[in-house]
Amino acid sequence: MTVKPSLTEQSAADGAAVETLLDLSFGPSRRTKTSYRLREGSSPLPHLSLVIREHELGLVGAISFWPLSVGPAETPAIMLGPLAVHPGRQRMGIGLELMREGIARAKAAGHGLIILIGDAPYYAREGFVQVPEGQIQVPGPVDPKRLLYLELIPRALAKTMGLALPPWRWREINALRAPT
């Protein structure tokens, strides 16, 4: 009898297994990427951070979403990533299942905009498109063709412009700018 893989929210107990999966999928140099600058000092959104487990390998897929603020106006957005699938289970729809469920939960929770840095042809399957060049910047080098977005609320991108940072970082910057 084959047991169907189960999709659940990540728990604190999943931390080590998720890190191992990320190392298997992306290698230890993953922490040097620009996308990691966007997650520094933040925690993933718990209701949107999901895993898939199967009987034989345990944790075989994981996705996280993180809070972002864009520009001095601190326009809210969320960042998708990382999305990882065990190398022995790739091309089986696990990543798409995680992404679809995460997007559905994000929409149900009222989030308006998802941003990510990733492979455009893969993410285009779920409607992600390239951010118009110069509209959103990130703290570090990134190929503009890999900076993608998905609107969950119509025209959410239209009011979003500037540097994307973790919310705590924009609060810090704007506090320094405030007159004393």
N, C-alpha and C. Protein backbone atom coordinates (compact mmCIF):
# COMPACT_ATOMS: atom_id res chain seq x y z
N MET A 1 0.84 -1.18 0.00
CA MET A 1 0.00 0.00 0.00
C MET A 1 0.89 1.24 0.00
N THR A 2 0.60 2.19 -0.89
CA THR A 2 1.34 3.44 -0.98
C THR A 2 0.64 4.49 -0.13
N VAL A 3 1.41 5.18 0.70
CA VAL A 3 0.87 6.23 1.54
C VAL A 3 1.07 7.56 0.82
N LYS A 4 -0.02 8.32 0.70
CA LYS A 4 0.05 9.62 0.02
C LYS A 4 0.85 10.59 0.87
N PRO A 5 1.74 11.38 0.23
CA PRO A 5 2.48 12.40 0.97
C PRO A 5 1.52 13.36 1.65
N SER A 6 1.92 13.90 2.80
CA SER A 6 1.05 14.82 3.53
C SER A 6 1.63 16.23 3.53
N LEU A 7 0.75 17.21 3.30
CA LEU A 7 1.12 18.62 3.32
C LEU A 7 0.62 19.21 4.62
N THR A 8 1.53 19.84 5.38
CA THR A 8 1.16 20.46 6.65
C THR A 8 1.94 21.77 6.81
N GLU A 9 1.54 22.56 7.80
CA GLU A 9 2.30 23.76 8.14
C GLU A 9 3.61 23.34 8.78
N GLN A 10 4.67 24.10 8.53
CA GLN A 10 5.95 23.85 9.18
C GLN A 10 5.79 24.07 10.67
N SER A 11 6.50 23.27 11.44
CA SER A 11 6.53 23.47 12.89
C SER A 11 7.98 23.73 13.29
N ALA A 12 8.17 24.16 14.52
CA ALA A 12 9.53 24.40 15.03
C ALA A 12 10.36 23.12 14.95
N ALA A 13 9.72 21.98 15.10
CA ALA A 13 10.42 20.70 15.04
C ALA A 13 10.96 20.38 13.64
N ASP A 14 10.45 21.07 12.62
CA ASP A 14 10.89 20.84 11.24
C ASP A 14 12.16 21.59 10.89
N GLY A 15 12.62 22.49 11.74
CA GLY A 15 13.73 23.38 11.42
C GLY A 15 14.95 22.69 10.86
N ALA A 16 15.47 21.69 11.55
CA ALA A 16 16.69 21.01 11.10
C ALA A 16 16.46 20.28 9.78
N ALA A 17 15.31 19.63 9.64
CA ALA A 17 15.01 18.90 8.40
C ALA A 17 14.87 19.86 7.22
N VAL A 18 14.27 21.02 7.44
CA VAL A 18 14.13 22.02 6.38
C VAL A 18 15.51 22.52 5.97
N GLU A 19 16.38 22.82 6.93
CA GLU A 19 17.73 23.29 6.62
C GLU A 19 18.51 22.23 5.83
N THR A 20 18.37 20.98 6.19
CA THR A 20 19.04 19.89 5.45
C THR A 20 18.51 19.82 4.03
N LEU A 21 17.20 19.93 3.87
CA LEU A 21 16.59 19.92 2.53
C LEU A 21 17.09 21.10 1.70
N LEU A 22 17.18 22.28 2.30
CA LEU A 22 17.68 23.45 1.58
C LEU A 22 19.13 23.26 1.15
N ASP A 23 19.95 22.68 2.02
CA ASP A 23 21.34 22.39 1.64
C ASP A 23 21.41 21.39 0.50
N LEU A 24 20.56 20.34 0.56
CA LEU A 24 20.53 19.35 -0.52
C LEU A 24 20.10 19.97 -1.85
N SER A 25 19.15 20.87 -1.77
CA SER A 25 18.57 21.47 -2.98
C SER A 25 19.42 22.59 -3.57
N PHE A 26 20.02 23.43 -2.71
CA PHE A 26 20.69 24.64 -3.19
C PHE A 26 22.17 24.71 -2.84
N GLY A 27 22.63 23.85 -1.95
CA GLY A 27 24.03 23.89 -1.54
C GLY A 27 24.25 24.89 -0.42
N PRO A 28 25.36 24.75 0.28
CA PRO A 28 25.62 25.62 1.43
C PRO A 28 25.86 27.08 1.06
N SER A 29 26.18 27.38 -0.18
CA SER A 29 26.41 28.78 -0.57
C SER A 29 25.10 29.55 -0.73
N ARG A 30 23.99 28.89 -0.53
CA ARG A 30 22.68 29.53 -0.68
C ARG A 30 22.54 30.77 0.21
N ARG A 31 23.20 30.77 1.33
CA ARG A 31 23.07 31.87 2.29
C ARG A 31 23.71 33.17 1.80
N THR A 32 24.47 33.13 0.72
CA THR A 32 25.10 34.34 0.19
C THR A 32 24.22 35.06 -0.82
N LYS A 33 23.08 34.51 -1.15
CA LYS A 33 22.21 35.08 -2.18
C LYS A 33 21.45 36.30 -1.66
N THR A 34 21.10 37.18 -2.59
CA THR A 34 20.34 38.37 -2.27
C THR A 34 19.04 38.05 -1.55
N SER A 35 18.39 36.96 -1.94
CA SER A 35 17.12 36.61 -1.29
C SER A 35 17.29 36.43 0.22
N TYR A 36 18.46 36.02 0.65
CA TYR A 36 18.69 35.87 2.09
C TYR A 36 18.78 37.23 2.78
N ARG A 37 19.24 38.27 2.07
CA ARG A 37 19.26 39.62 2.66
C ARG A 37 17.83 40.07 2.95
N LEU A 38 16.89 39.63 2.14
CA LEU A 38 15.49 40.02 2.33
C LEU A 38 14.83 39.29 3.50
N ARG A 39 15.46 38.24 3.98
CA ARG A 39 14.89 37.47 5.09
C ARG A 39 15.61 37.71 6.41
N GLU A 40 16.75 38.38 6.38
CA GLU A 40 17.54 38.58 7.59
C GLU A 40 16.73 39.28 8.68
N GLY A 41 16.82 38.74 9.88
CA GLY A 41 16.17 39.35 11.02
C GLY A 41 14.67 39.17 11.08
N SER A 42 14.12 38.40 10.16
CA SER A 42 12.67 38.15 10.11
C SER A 42 12.39 36.68 10.35
N SER A 43 11.15 36.39 10.58
CA SER A 43 10.70 35.00 10.70
C SER A 43 9.71 34.73 9.59
N PRO A 44 9.70 33.50 9.09
CA PRO A 44 8.70 33.18 8.05
C PRO A 44 7.29 33.27 8.62
N LEU A 45 6.35 33.54 7.75
CA LEU A 45 4.95 33.60 8.17
C LEU A 45 4.47 32.17 8.44
N PRO A 46 4.13 31.87 9.68
CA PRO A 46 3.87 30.46 10.04
C PRO A 46 2.70 29.81 9.29
N HIS A 47 1.64 30.55 9.04
CA HIS A 47 0.48 29.95 8.37
C HIS A 47 0.72 29.71 6.88
N LEU A 48 1.82 30.29 6.35
CA LEU A 48 2.14 30.12 4.93
C LEU A 48 3.37 29.25 4.69
N SER A 49 4.07 28.87 5.74
CA SER A 49 5.27 28.06 5.59
C SER A 49 4.88 26.59 5.74
N LEU A 50 5.06 25.86 4.64
CA LEU A 50 4.49 24.52 4.52
C LEU A 50 5.57 23.49 4.21
N VAL A 51 5.26 22.24 4.54
CA VAL A 51 6.14 21.12 4.20
C VAL A 51 5.30 19.97 3.65
N ILE A 52 5.96 19.12 2.89
CA ILE A 52 5.37 17.86 2.45
C ILE A 52 6.26 16.74 2.95
N ARG A 53 5.62 15.77 3.59
CA ARG A 53 6.34 14.60 4.09
C ARG A 53 5.83 13.37 3.36
N GLU A 54 6.73 12.43 3.21
CA GLU A 54 6.30 11.12 2.71
C GLU A 54 6.92 10.05 3.61
N HIS A 55 6.34 8.90 3.54
CA HIS A 55 6.72 7.81 4.45
C HIS A 55 8.19 7.42 4.30
N GLU A 56 8.68 7.28 3.06
CA GLU A 56 10.04 6.76 2.85
C GLU A 56 11.15 7.75 3.20
N LEU A 57 11.04 8.99 2.75
CA LEU A 57 12.13 9.96 2.92
C LEU A 57 11.89 10.99 4.02
N GLY A 58 10.71 11.03 4.55
CA GLY A 58 10.40 12.08 5.53
C GLY A 58 10.06 13.37 4.80
N LEU A 59 10.69 14.46 5.19
CA LEU A 59 10.39 15.75 4.60
C LEU A 59 10.98 15.83 3.19
N VAL A 60 10.12 16.02 2.19
CA VAL A 60 10.58 16.04 0.79
C VAL A 60 10.34 17.37 0.09
N GLY A 61 9.64 18.28 0.74
CA GLY A 61 9.38 19.58 0.15
C GLY A 61 9.11 20.62 1.22
N ALA A 62 9.51 21.86 0.95
CA ALA A 62 9.28 22.95 1.90
C ALA A 62 9.16 24.27 1.15
N ILE A 63 8.31 25.12 1.66
CA ILE A 63 8.16 26.47 1.13
C ILE A 63 7.96 27.42 2.30
N SER A 64 8.49 28.63 2.15
CA SER A 64 8.29 29.66 3.17
C SER A 64 7.91 30.96 2.50
N PHE A 65 7.17 31.76 3.22
CA PHE A 65 6.81 33.11 2.80
C PHE A 65 7.22 34.05 3.93
N TRP A 66 7.72 35.23 3.56
CA TRP A 66 8.30 36.16 4.53
C TRP A 66 7.69 37.54 4.35
N PRO A 67 7.55 38.30 5.43
CA PRO A 67 7.03 39.67 5.30
C PRO A 67 8.07 40.58 4.66
N LEU A 68 7.60 41.49 3.83
CA LEU A 68 8.43 42.52 3.20
C LEU A 68 7.71 43.85 3.30
N SER A 69 8.47 44.92 3.23
CA SER A 69 7.95 46.26 3.04
C SER A 69 8.71 46.85 1.87
N VAL A 70 7.99 47.58 1.02
CA VAL A 70 8.62 48.14 -0.17
C VAL A 70 8.54 49.65 -0.12
N GLY A 71 9.70 50.29 -0.26
CA GLY A 71 9.79 51.74 -0.30
C GLY A 71 9.56 52.39 1.03
N PRO A 72 9.86 53.68 1.10
CA PRO A 72 9.70 54.42 2.36
C PRO A 72 8.27 54.41 2.88
N ALA A 73 7.29 54.21 1.99
CA ALA A 73 5.89 54.13 2.42
C ALA A 73 5.60 52.79 3.10
N GLU A 74 6.57 51.89 3.08
CA GLU A 74 6.45 50.57 3.70
C GLU A 74 5.24 49.79 3.19
N THR A 75 5.06 49.80 1.87
CA THR A 75 3.97 49.05 1.27
C THR A 75 4.17 47.57 1.55
N PRO A 76 3.18 46.91 2.14
CA PRO A 76 3.36 45.50 2.50
C PRO A 76 3.35 44.57 1.28
N ALA A 77 4.18 43.57 1.37
CA ALA A 77 4.23 42.48 0.38
C ALA A 77 4.75 41.26 1.13
N ILE A 78 4.73 40.13 0.47
CA ILE A 78 5.37 38.94 1.04
C ILE A 78 6.32 38.36 0.00
N MET A 79 7.32 37.69 0.50
CA MET A 79 8.32 37.07 -0.37
C MET A 79 8.18 35.57 -0.31
N LEU A 80 8.09 34.95 -1.47
CA LEU A 80 8.05 33.50 -1.58
C LEU A 80 9.49 33.01 -1.67
N GLY A 81 9.82 32.06 -0.83
CA GLY A 81 11.12 31.42 -0.94
C GLY A 81 11.77 31.23 0.42
N PRO A 82 12.55 30.26 0.52
CA PRO A 82 12.86 29.31 -0.55
C PRO A 82 11.76 28.26 -0.72
N LEU A 83 11.74 27.72 -1.91
CA LEU A 83 10.91 26.58 -2.27
C LEU A 83 11.88 25.47 -2.64
N ALA A 84 11.85 24.39 -1.89
CA ALA A 84 12.82 23.30 -2.10
C ALA A 84 12.12 21.96 -2.16
N VAL A 85 12.63 21.11 -3.04
CA VAL A 85 12.14 19.74 -3.17
C VAL A 85 13.35 18.81 -3.14
N HIS A 86 13.22 17.74 -2.40
CA HIS A 86 14.31 16.75 -2.31
C HIS A 86 14.74 16.35 -3.72
N PRO A 87 16.06 16.30 -3.99
CA PRO A 87 16.53 15.96 -5.34
C PRO A 87 15.95 14.64 -5.88
N GLY A 88 15.66 13.69 -5.03
CA GLY A 88 15.08 12.42 -5.47
C GLY A 88 13.60 12.48 -5.76
N ARG A 89 12.97 13.64 -5.51
CA ARG A 89 11.52 13.78 -5.72
C ARG A 89 11.17 14.96 -6.62
N GLN A 90 12.15 15.51 -7.31
CA GLN A 90 11.87 16.63 -8.21
C GLN A 90 11.12 16.14 -9.45
N ARG A 91 10.43 17.07 -10.09
CA ARG A 91 9.62 16.82 -11.29
C ARG A 91 8.44 15.87 -11.04
N MET A 92 7.95 15.91 -9.80
CA MET A 92 6.80 15.08 -9.44
C MET A 92 5.61 15.94 -9.00
N GLY A 93 5.74 17.27 -9.12
CA GLY A 93 4.65 18.17 -8.76
C GLY A 93 4.64 18.64 -7.32
N ILE A 94 5.64 18.26 -6.54
CA ILE A 94 5.68 18.63 -5.12
C ILE A 94 5.83 20.14 -4.97
N GLY A 95 6.74 20.73 -5.72
CA GLY A 95 6.94 22.18 -5.64
C GLY A 95 5.70 22.95 -6.04
N LEU A 96 5.05 22.52 -7.11
CA LEU A 96 3.83 23.20 -7.54
C LEU A 96 2.72 23.06 -6.51
N GLU A 97 2.61 21.90 -5.89
CA GLU A 97 1.59 21.70 -4.85
C GLU A 97 1.84 22.65 -3.68
N LEU A 98 3.09 22.74 -3.24
CA LEU A 98 3.42 23.65 -2.14
C LEU A 98 3.13 25.10 -2.53
N MET A 99 3.54 25.48 -3.73
CA MET A 99 3.33 26.85 -4.18
C MET A 99 1.84 27.17 -4.29
N ARG A 100 1.07 26.30 -4.88
CA ARG A 100 -0.37 26.56 -5.05
C ARG A 100 -1.07 26.69 -3.70
N GLU A 101 -0.73 25.81 -2.77
CA GLU A 101 -1.35 25.88 -1.44
C GLU A 101 -0.92 27.15 -0.72
N GLY A 102 0.36 27.50 -0.81
CA GLY A 102 0.84 28.73 -0.17
C GLY A 102 0.18 29.97 -0.74
N ILE A 103 0.06 30.03 -2.05
CA ILE A 103 -0.59 31.17 -2.70
C ILE A 103 -2.06 31.25 -2.28
N ALA A 104 -2.75 30.13 -2.27
CA ALA A 104 -4.17 30.11 -1.87
C ALA A 104 -4.32 30.61 -0.43
N ARG A 105 -3.44 30.17 0.46
CA ARG A 105 -3.50 30.62 1.85
C ARG A 105 -3.17 32.11 1.97
N ALA A 106 -2.20 32.57 1.19
CA ALA A 106 -1.84 33.99 1.22
C ALA A 106 -3.01 34.85 0.76
N LYS A 107 -3.67 34.43 -0.29
CA LYS A 107 -4.83 35.16 -0.80
C LYS A 107 -5.95 35.17 0.23
N ALA A 108 -6.22 34.02 0.83
CA ALA A 108 -7.27 33.92 1.85
C ALA A 108 -6.96 34.80 3.07
N ALA A 109 -5.68 35.00 3.37
CA ALA A 109 -5.27 35.82 4.51
C ALA A 109 -5.26 37.31 4.18
N GLY A 110 -5.53 37.67 2.92
CA GLY A 110 -5.63 39.07 2.54
C GLY A 110 -4.34 39.71 2.04
N HIS A 111 -3.31 38.92 1.82
CA HIS A 111 -2.08 39.48 1.26
C HIS A 111 -2.34 39.91 -0.18
N GLY A 112 -1.71 41.03 -0.57
CA GLY A 112 -1.97 41.58 -1.90
C GLY A 112 -0.93 41.30 -2.94
N LEU A 113 0.34 41.08 -2.53
CA LEU A 113 1.42 40.99 -3.49
C LEU A 113 2.48 40.01 -3.01
N ILE A 114 2.89 39.12 -3.90
CA ILE A 114 3.98 38.19 -3.62
C ILE A 114 5.14 38.55 -4.55
N ILE A 115 6.33 38.63 -3.98
CA ILE A 115 7.55 38.89 -4.74
C ILE A 115 8.48 37.70 -4.55
N LEU A 116 9.26 37.38 -5.57
CA LEU A 116 10.27 36.33 -5.42
C LEU A 116 11.41 36.56 -6.38
N ILE A 117 12.51 35.90 -6.10
CA ILE A 117 13.65 35.88 -7.00
C ILE A 117 13.80 34.43 -7.44
N GLY A 118 13.57 34.16 -8.72
CA GLY A 118 13.60 32.78 -9.16
C GLY A 118 13.50 32.62 -10.67
N ASP A 119 13.33 31.37 -11.06
CA ASP A 119 13.30 30.96 -12.45
C ASP A 119 11.94 31.32 -13.07
N ALA A 120 11.93 32.31 -13.96
CA ALA A 120 10.68 32.81 -14.53
C ALA A 120 9.83 31.72 -15.20
N PRO A 121 10.40 30.85 -16.03
CA PRO A 121 9.54 29.84 -16.66
C PRO A 121 8.84 28.90 -15.65
N TYR A 122 9.52 28.57 -14.57
CA TYR A 122 8.91 27.70 -13.56
C TYR A 122 7.75 28.42 -12.86
N TYR A 123 8.01 29.62 -12.37
CA TYR A 123 7.00 30.35 -11.59
C TYR A 123 5.89 30.92 -12.46
N ALA A 124 6.14 31.09 -13.77
CA ALA A 124 5.10 31.58 -14.67
C ALA A 124 3.90 30.63 -14.71
N ARG A 125 4.12 29.37 -14.40
CA ARG A 125 3.01 28.40 -14.39
C ARG A 125 1.92 28.79 -13.39
N GLU A 126 2.31 29.57 -12.38
CA GLU A 126 1.33 30.03 -11.39
C GLU A 126 1.01 31.52 -11.53
N GLY A 127 1.45 32.11 -12.65
CA GLY A 127 1.08 33.48 -12.95
C GLY A 127 2.11 34.55 -12.60
N PHE A 128 3.27 34.16 -12.10
CA PHE A 128 4.30 35.15 -11.79
C PHE A 128 4.87 35.73 -13.07
N VAL A 129 5.12 37.03 -13.04
CA VAL A 129 5.73 37.74 -14.17
C VAL A 129 6.84 38.65 -13.64
N GLN A 130 7.67 39.12 -14.55
CA GLN A 130 8.80 39.96 -14.19
C GLN A 130 8.32 41.32 -13.68
N VAL A 131 8.93 41.77 -12.59
CA VAL A 131 8.67 43.12 -12.09
C VAL A 131 9.20 44.10 -13.14
N PRO A 132 8.42 45.12 -13.50
CA PRO A 132 8.94 46.11 -14.45
C PRO A 132 10.26 46.68 -13.91
N GLU A 133 11.25 46.70 -14.79
CA GLU A 133 12.59 47.08 -14.37
C GLU A 133 12.59 48.45 -13.68
N GLY A 134 13.20 48.49 -12.50
CA GLY A 134 13.32 49.72 -11.73
C GLY A 134 12.19 49.97 -10.76
N GLN A 135 11.09 49.23 -10.85
CA GLN A 135 9.96 49.49 -9.96
C GLN A 135 10.24 49.02 -8.54
N ILE A 136 10.85 47.86 -8.41
CA ILE A 136 11.22 47.34 -7.09
C ILE A 136 12.70 46.98 -7.14
N GLN A 137 13.44 47.43 -6.15
CA GLN A 137 14.85 47.08 -6.04
C GLN A 137 15.02 46.17 -4.82
N VAL A 138 16.10 45.42 -4.83
CA VAL A 138 16.43 44.53 -3.72
C VAL A 138 17.87 44.82 -3.27
N PRO A 139 18.19 44.49 -2.01
CA PRO A 139 19.52 44.81 -1.47
C PRO A 139 20.59 43.82 -1.89
N GLY A 140 21.04 43.94 -3.10
CA GLY A 140 22.08 43.06 -3.59
C GLY A 140 21.87 42.78 -5.07
N PRO A 141 22.84 42.13 -5.67
CA PRO A 141 22.73 41.87 -7.11
C PRO A 141 21.66 40.82 -7.42
N VAL A 142 20.92 41.08 -8.48
CA VAL A 142 19.92 40.12 -8.96
C VAL A 142 19.68 40.42 -10.44
N ASP A 143 19.56 39.35 -11.22
CA ASP A 143 19.19 39.49 -12.62
C ASP A 143 17.74 40.00 -12.65
N PRO A 144 17.47 41.16 -13.25
CA PRO A 144 16.11 41.70 -13.27
C PRO A 144 15.07 40.72 -13.83
N LYS A 145 15.49 39.80 -14.69
CA LYS A 145 14.55 38.82 -15.25
C LYS A 145 14.10 37.80 -14.21
N ARG A 146 14.82 37.73 -13.08
CA ARG A 146 14.48 36.77 -12.02
C ARG A 146 13.68 37.40 -10.87
N LEU A 147 13.47 38.72 -10.92
CA LEU A 147 12.67 39.40 -9.91
C LEU A 147 11.22 39.38 -10.40
N LEU A 148 10.41 38.57 -9.74
CA LEU A 148 9.06 38.28 -10.21
C LEU A 148 8.01 38.69 -9.19
N TYR A 149 6.77 38.84 -9.66
CA TYR A 149 5.68 39.16 -8.74
C TYR A 149 4.39 38.47 -9.18
N LEU A 150 3.48 38.37 -8.22
CA LEU A 150 2.13 37.88 -8.46
C LEU A 150 1.19 38.74 -7.63
N GLU A 151 0.22 39.36 -8.30
CA GLU A 151 -0.78 40.16 -7.59
C GLU A 151 -1.89 39.24 -7.10
N LEU A 152 -2.18 39.30 -5.81
CA LEU A 152 -3.32 38.59 -5.25
C LEU A 152 -4.52 39.51 -5.13
N ILE A 153 -4.23 40.81 -5.10
CA ILE A 153 -5.26 41.85 -5.14
C ILE A 153 -4.95 42.67 -6.39
N PRO A 154 -5.95 42.89 -7.26
CA PRO A 154 -5.70 43.64 -8.49
C PRO A 154 -5.02 44.98 -8.22
N ARG A 155 -4.03 45.30 -9.03
CA ARG A 155 -3.29 46.56 -9.01
C ARG A 155 -2.42 46.75 -7.77
N ALA A 156 -2.14 45.68 -7.05
CA ALA A 156 -1.27 45.78 -5.86
C ALA A 156 0.12 46.26 -6.24
N LEU A 157 0.60 45.87 -7.41
CA LEU A 157 1.94 46.31 -7.83
C LEU A 157 1.96 47.79 -8.16
N ALA A 158 0.86 48.35 -8.65
CA ALA A 158 0.82 49.74 -9.08
C ALA A 158 1.19 50.70 -7.95
N LYS A 159 0.86 50.35 -6.71
CA LYS A 159 1.17 51.23 -5.59
C LYS A 159 2.44 50.81 -4.85
N THR A 160 3.22 49.94 -5.47
CA THR A 160 4.41 49.40 -4.84
C THR A 160 5.64 49.83 -5.63
N MET A 161 6.50 50.63 -4.99
CA MET A 161 7.70 51.10 -5.69
C MET A 161 8.79 51.39 -4.68
N GLY A 162 10.01 50.96 -5.01
CA GLY A 162 11.15 51.28 -4.17
C GLY A 162 11.92 50.05 -3.76
N LEU A 163 12.69 50.22 -2.72
CA LEU A 163 13.54 49.15 -2.20
C LEU A 163 12.74 48.20 -1.31
N ALA A 164 12.84 46.90 -1.58
CA ALA A 164 12.19 45.89 -0.76
C ALA A 164 13.14 45.50 0.37
N LEU A 165 12.62 45.54 1.60
CA LEU A 165 13.38 45.18 2.78
C LEU A 165 12.47 44.51 3.79
N PRO A 166 13.06 43.82 4.76
CA PRO A 166 12.22 43.31 5.86
C PRO A 166 11.55 44.49 6.55
N PRO A 167 10.33 44.35 7.05
CA PRO A 167 9.62 45.47 7.68
C PRO A 167 10.41 46.14 8.81
N TRP A 168 11.10 45.35 9.62
CA TRP A 168 11.85 45.94 10.74
C TRP A 168 12.92 46.90 10.23
N ARG A 169 13.50 46.60 9.08
CA ARG A 169 14.57 47.43 8.54
C ARG A 169 14.02 48.78 8.06
N TRP A 170 12.84 48.77 7.40
CA TRP A 170 12.23 50.04 6.98
C TRP A 170 11.83 50.87 8.19
N ARG A 171 11.30 50.23 9.23
CA ARG A 171 10.94 50.98 10.44
C ARG A 171 12.18 51.67 11.02
N GLU A 172 13.29 50.95 11.02
CA GLU A 172 14.56 51.50 11.51
C GLU A 172 15.00 52.70 10.66
N ILE A 173 14.96 52.55 9.35
CA ILE A 173 15.37 53.62 8.44
C ILE A 173 14.47 54.83 8.59
N ASN A 174 13.16 54.61 8.61
CA ASN A 174 12.23 55.72 8.70
C ASN A 174 12.31 56.42 10.06
N ALA A 175 12.65 55.70 11.12
CA ALA A 175 12.84 56.32 12.44
C ALA A 175 14.05 57.25 12.41
N LEU A 176 15.09 56.87 11.68
CA LEU A 176 16.27 57.73 11.57
C LEU A 176 15.97 58.99 10.77
N ARG A 177 15.04 58.89 9.84
CA ARG A 177 14.68 60.04 9.00
C ARG A 177 13.72 60.99 9.69
N ALA A 178 13.01 60.51 10.71
CA ALA A 178 11.99 61.31 11.37
C ALA A 178 12.64 62.50 12.10
N PRO A 179 11.99 63.66 12.02
CA PRO A 179 12.53 64.81 12.73
C PRO A 179 12.45 64.59 14.25
N THR A 180 13.43 65.09 14.95
CA THR A 180 13.43 64.92 16.42
C THR A 180 12.99 66.16 17.13
